[in-house]
Amino acid sequence: MLSPRSTPQGDPGNLSERERSVIRLVALGYSNKEISSRLNLSIKTIETYRTRASEKLEFRSRAAIVRFAHSNGWLAELPI
């Protein structure tokens, strides 16, 4: 069970569609480079989306992203 301090306080509804996509791919274990290739965006753009989403949801680590995605059912496999 997550302690209150490790639970994000932000609202996932505040994320843009692209931020959601990036966060989901991070949670699935993709690297920034892999996400960049998959979404046809620069690595810097991926880093920006991840940073903005992390700030909105008060994440401090990739582990927090994975916990959030798991608890919200975002970890289903992606189509090829």
N, C-alpha and C. Protein backbone atom coordinates (compact mmCIF):
# COMPACT_ATOMS: atom_id res chain seq x y z
N MET A 1 0.84 -1.18 0.00
CA MET A 1 0.00 0.00 0.00
C MET A 1 0.89 1.24 0.00
N LEU A 2 0.48 2.26 -0.71
CA LEU A 2 1.26 3.48 -0.80
C LEU A 2 0.99 4.37 0.39
N SER A 3 2.04 4.98 0.88
CA SER A 3 1.84 5.95 1.95
C SER A 3 1.33 7.25 1.35
N PRO A 4 0.66 8.09 2.13
CA PRO A 4 0.14 9.34 1.58
C PRO A 4 1.22 10.20 0.93
N ARG A 5 2.44 10.15 1.45
CA ARG A 5 3.50 10.97 0.86
C ARG A 5 3.91 10.52 -0.53
N SER A 6 3.77 9.24 -0.83
CA SER A 6 4.19 8.74 -2.14
C SER A 6 3.07 8.75 -3.17
N THR A 7 1.86 9.11 -2.75
CA THR A 7 0.73 9.15 -3.66
C THR A 7 0.65 10.53 -4.30
N PRO A 8 0.62 10.60 -5.63
CA PRO A 8 0.54 11.89 -6.30
C PRO A 8 -0.73 12.63 -5.93
N GLN A 9 -0.63 13.93 -5.82
CA GLN A 9 -1.77 14.76 -5.45
C GLN A 9 -2.44 15.40 -6.66
N GLY A 10 -1.75 15.42 -7.80
CA GLY A 10 -2.28 16.07 -8.99
C GLY A 10 -3.44 15.30 -9.60
N ASP A 11 -4.13 15.95 -10.49
CA ASP A 11 -5.28 15.36 -11.18
C ASP A 11 -4.84 14.90 -12.56
N PRO A 12 -4.94 13.59 -12.86
CA PRO A 12 -4.53 13.11 -14.18
C PRO A 12 -5.35 13.73 -15.31
N GLY A 13 -6.51 14.28 -14.98
CA GLY A 13 -7.32 14.96 -15.98
C GLY A 13 -6.68 16.24 -16.48
N ASN A 14 -5.68 16.72 -15.76
CA ASN A 14 -4.97 17.94 -16.17
C ASN A 14 -3.89 17.66 -17.21
N LEU A 15 -3.64 16.40 -17.51
CA LEU A 15 -2.60 16.05 -18.47
C LEU A 15 -3.12 16.18 -19.90
N SER A 16 -2.23 16.63 -20.78
CA SER A 16 -2.58 16.64 -22.20
C SER A 16 -2.53 15.19 -22.70
N GLU A 17 -3.11 14.96 -23.86
CA GLU A 17 -3.09 13.61 -24.44
C GLU A 17 -1.66 13.14 -24.65
N ARG A 18 -0.78 14.03 -25.10
CA ARG A 18 0.61 13.67 -25.36
C ARG A 18 1.33 13.36 -24.04
N GLU A 19 1.07 14.14 -22.99
CA GLU A 19 1.67 13.86 -21.69
C GLU A 19 1.24 12.49 -21.18
N ARG A 20 -0.03 12.15 -21.37
CA ARG A 20 -0.53 10.83 -20.97
C ARG A 20 0.20 9.73 -21.73
N SER A 21 0.38 9.93 -23.03
CA SER A 21 1.07 8.93 -23.85
C SER A 21 2.49 8.71 -23.37
N VAL A 22 3.19 9.80 -23.11
CA VAL A 22 4.58 9.70 -22.66
C VAL A 22 4.66 9.03 -21.30
N ILE A 23 3.81 9.44 -20.36
CA ILE A 23 3.82 8.84 -19.02
C ILE A 23 3.52 7.34 -19.11
N ARG A 24 2.58 6.98 -19.93
CA ARG A 24 2.23 5.55 -20.08
C ARG A 24 3.42 4.76 -20.63
N LEU A 25 4.09 5.30 -21.64
CA LEU A 25 5.24 4.60 -22.22
C LEU A 25 6.39 4.52 -21.23
N VAL A 26 6.61 5.57 -20.45
CA VAL A 26 7.64 5.52 -19.40
C VAL A 26 7.30 4.40 -18.42
N ALA A 27 6.04 4.34 -18.01
CA ALA A 27 5.60 3.32 -17.05
C ALA A 27 5.75 1.91 -17.61
N LEU A 28 5.62 1.77 -18.92
CA LEU A 28 5.79 0.46 -19.55
C LEU A 28 7.25 0.08 -19.75
N GLY A 29 8.16 0.99 -19.36
CA GLY A 29 9.58 0.68 -19.40
C GLY A 29 10.34 1.18 -20.60
N TYR A 30 9.69 1.97 -21.45
CA TYR A 30 10.37 2.52 -22.62
C TYR A 30 11.33 3.63 -22.19
N SER A 31 12.48 3.70 -22.85
CA SER A 31 13.43 4.78 -22.61
C SER A 31 12.96 6.03 -23.35
N ASN A 32 13.54 7.17 -23.00
CA ASN A 32 13.19 8.40 -23.72
C ASN A 32 13.46 8.26 -25.21
N LYS A 33 14.57 7.60 -25.55
CA LYS A 33 14.92 7.40 -26.96
C LYS A 33 13.87 6.53 -27.67
N GLU A 34 13.44 5.46 -27.01
CA GLU A 34 12.42 4.59 -27.60
C GLU A 34 11.08 5.32 -27.76
N ILE A 35 10.73 6.11 -26.76
CA ILE A 35 9.48 6.89 -26.84
C ILE A 35 9.57 7.90 -27.97
N SER A 36 10.72 8.54 -28.08
CA SER A 36 10.96 9.51 -29.13
C SER A 36 10.74 8.89 -30.51
N SER A 37 11.30 7.71 -30.70
CA SER A 37 11.16 7.01 -31.97
C SER A 37 9.71 6.58 -32.22
N ARG A 38 9.08 6.06 -31.20
CA ARG A 38 7.70 5.57 -31.32
C ARG A 38 6.72 6.70 -31.63
N LEU A 39 6.90 7.86 -31.01
CA LEU A 39 5.97 8.99 -31.20
C LEU A 39 6.44 9.97 -32.26
N ASN A 40 7.62 9.69 -32.84
CA ASN A 40 8.18 10.56 -33.88
C ASN A 40 8.37 11.99 -33.38
N LEU A 41 8.94 12.11 -32.18
CA LEU A 41 9.23 13.40 -31.56
C LEU A 41 10.68 13.39 -31.11
N SER A 42 11.25 14.56 -30.87
CA SER A 42 12.63 14.62 -30.41
C SER A 42 12.72 14.15 -28.96
N ILE A 43 13.90 13.70 -28.57
CA ILE A 43 14.13 13.27 -27.19
C ILE A 43 13.86 14.44 -26.25
N LYS A 44 14.29 15.63 -26.62
CA LYS A 44 14.06 16.81 -25.78
C LYS A 44 12.57 17.05 -25.56
N THR A 45 11.76 16.86 -26.60
CA THR A 45 10.32 17.03 -26.48
C THR A 45 9.74 15.99 -25.52
N ILE A 46 10.22 14.76 -25.61
CA ILE A 46 9.77 13.70 -24.70
C ILE A 46 10.13 14.07 -23.27
N GLU A 47 11.34 14.55 -23.06
CA GLU A 47 11.77 14.96 -21.72
C GLU A 47 10.88 16.09 -21.18
N THR A 48 10.52 17.01 -22.06
CA THR A 48 9.65 18.13 -21.65
C THR A 48 8.28 17.62 -21.25
N TYR A 49 7.68 16.75 -22.05
CA TYR A 49 6.36 16.19 -21.71
C TYR A 49 6.42 15.43 -20.39
N ARG A 50 7.46 14.63 -20.22
CA ARG A 50 7.60 13.85 -18.98
C ARG A 50 7.75 14.77 -17.77
N THR A 51 8.56 15.80 -17.92
CA THR A 51 8.77 16.75 -16.83
C THR A 51 7.49 17.48 -16.47
N ARG A 52 6.77 17.96 -17.47
CA ARG A 52 5.51 18.67 -17.21
C ARG A 52 4.50 17.77 -16.53
N ALA A 53 4.36 16.55 -17.01
CA ALA A 53 3.41 15.61 -16.40
C ALA A 53 3.84 15.28 -14.97
N SER A 54 5.12 15.09 -14.76
CA SER A 54 5.62 14.79 -13.42
C SER A 54 5.36 15.94 -12.46
N GLU A 55 5.51 17.17 -12.94
CA GLU A 55 5.23 18.33 -12.10
C GLU A 55 3.74 18.42 -11.78
N LYS A 56 2.89 18.21 -12.77
CA LYS A 56 1.44 18.28 -12.56
C LYS A 56 0.97 17.23 -11.55
N LEU A 57 1.57 16.04 -11.61
CA LEU A 57 1.15 14.93 -10.76
C LEU A 57 2.02 14.76 -9.52
N GLU A 58 3.01 15.63 -9.38
CA GLU A 58 3.91 15.64 -8.22
C GLU A 58 4.72 14.35 -8.11
N PHE A 59 5.18 13.84 -9.26
CA PHE A 59 6.05 12.67 -9.28
C PHE A 59 7.48 13.12 -9.05
N ARG A 60 8.24 12.28 -8.34
CA ARG A 60 9.65 12.58 -8.13
C ARG A 60 10.57 11.53 -8.73
N SER A 61 9.97 10.48 -9.29
CA SER A 61 10.79 9.40 -9.85
C SER A 61 10.01 8.61 -10.89
N ARG A 62 10.75 7.81 -11.66
CA ARG A 62 10.11 6.90 -12.61
C ARG A 62 9.27 5.87 -11.86
N ALA A 63 9.72 5.48 -10.68
CA ALA A 63 8.96 4.51 -9.88
C ALA A 63 7.58 5.06 -9.53
N ALA A 64 7.49 6.34 -9.23
CA ALA A 64 6.19 6.96 -8.92
C ALA A 64 5.29 6.93 -10.15
N ILE A 65 5.89 7.12 -11.33
CA ILE A 65 5.12 7.05 -12.58
C ILE A 65 4.55 5.65 -12.76
N VAL A 66 5.37 4.64 -12.52
CA VAL A 66 4.92 3.25 -12.68
C VAL A 66 3.81 2.93 -11.68
N ARG A 67 3.98 3.33 -10.43
CA ARG A 67 2.93 3.08 -9.42
C ARG A 67 1.62 3.73 -9.83
N PHE A 68 1.70 4.98 -10.29
CA PHE A 68 0.50 5.71 -10.71
C PHE A 68 -0.17 5.00 -11.89
N ALA A 69 0.63 4.66 -12.90
CA ALA A 69 0.08 4.01 -14.10
C ALA A 69 -0.55 2.67 -13.75
N HIS A 70 0.10 1.92 -12.89
CA HIS A 70 -0.45 0.62 -12.47
C HIS A 70 -1.78 0.81 -11.75
N SER A 71 -1.83 1.73 -10.81
CA SER A 71 -3.06 1.92 -10.03
C SER A 71 -4.20 2.50 -10.86
N ASN A 72 -3.89 3.09 -12.02
CA ASN A 72 -4.92 3.67 -12.88
C ASN A 72 -5.20 2.82 -14.12
N GLY A 73 -4.62 1.61 -14.17
CA GLY A 73 -4.90 0.70 -15.28
C GLY A 73 -4.29 1.12 -16.61
N TRP A 74 -3.19 1.86 -16.57
CA TRP A 74 -2.56 2.35 -17.79
C TRP A 74 -1.49 1.41 -18.33
N LEU A 75 -1.31 0.24 -17.76
CA LEU A 75 -0.20 -0.63 -18.15
C LEU A 75 -0.56 -1.75 -19.11
N ALA A 76 -1.70 -1.69 -19.73
CA ALA A 76 -2.04 -2.68 -20.76
C ALA A 76 -1.05 -2.55 -21.90
N GLU A 77 -0.73 -3.66 -22.52
CA GLU A 77 0.22 -3.63 -23.64
C GLU A 77 -0.31 -2.78 -24.78
N LEU A 78 0.62 -2.19 -25.49
CA LEU A 78 0.29 -1.36 -26.64
C LEU A 78 0.23 -2.20 -27.91
N PRO A 79 -0.62 -1.83 -28.86
CA PRO A 79 -0.62 -2.54 -30.15
C PRO A 79 0.69 -2.29 -30.88
N ILE A 80 1.10 -3.24 -31.69
CA ILE A 80 2.37 -3.10 -32.42
C ILE A 80 2.25 -2.12 -33.54
